Amino acid sequence: MGPSLDAILFERAEPLAFQRAWQAQQQLQQRLFRDPTGPDALMLLEHEPCFTLGRGSDPGFLRFDPADPPWPVHRIDRGGEVTHHLPGQLVLYPVLNLERHGADLHLYLRSLEQVVIDLLAGLGLAAGRLEGLTGVWLEGQKVAAIGVGAKRWISQHGLALNVSCPLEGFSQVVPCGIADRPVGRLVDWRPELSCAQVRPLLIEAFSRQFDLALRPPEPHEALEGW
């Protein structure tokens, strides 16, 4: 039996400013508010360098003056603490009607972790979870950060998987508020990997986990500024 739910895949090759991606997520969320029976959507991209803080994030986890940041800083409506986005990191933003996917935010977080765990298993990398922490870990290093938000069971935000990005920017913050766990990237285990190689694998793992048939957008489904 094939995937049971229709979903739109919005994929962008060039790095995108965070604000533009956030606006696109909000457009997709508004569509599902208006018509909860409409198709789910998935955005896959890389960001221009920035930092984002969750709605309750502690600014003490910034290791720079917020008035003079090295890159733009955005406080947004997701859970979790501060994280860093930049090229070489794949960002997946699912905009889903979660009532079709269990209506359980804890289950949703575990499902997003499983997407990455399954992807890395296919690459011969044994990633997993750490008790009490959200994200995906490989030999004690955090390779995927996850932070989500939802309104009326329509999701926003998602996961960030470090593939080939420089790691120096993570030293400017306490990533996800966890001071004693290092951040890693996939090329430290598989040097030949690139974002271009990992993108289709990530899409496939997500589609399988959430039982979605992903397709390109129709002309009338295009996003402003995408």
Foldseek 3Di string as FASTA:
>chain_A
DAFDAAEAEAEDEDAAAPVLVQVQLVVQLVVCVVPVNDGKYKYKHAHAKEKEAEQPADPVQFLDDQVDDPHYYYYDHKDFGMAITHPQKMWMWIFHQCVLVPLDVVVVQVLLQVLVCVLVVVVVFRWDDDPPDGAIDGPQAGQKDFIWDDDNSTITGTMIGRAPDDDVVCVRGCHRVPNPTHHDHNCVPVVVDGCVVSVVSSVVSSCVSRSYDYDHDDPVPDTPPD
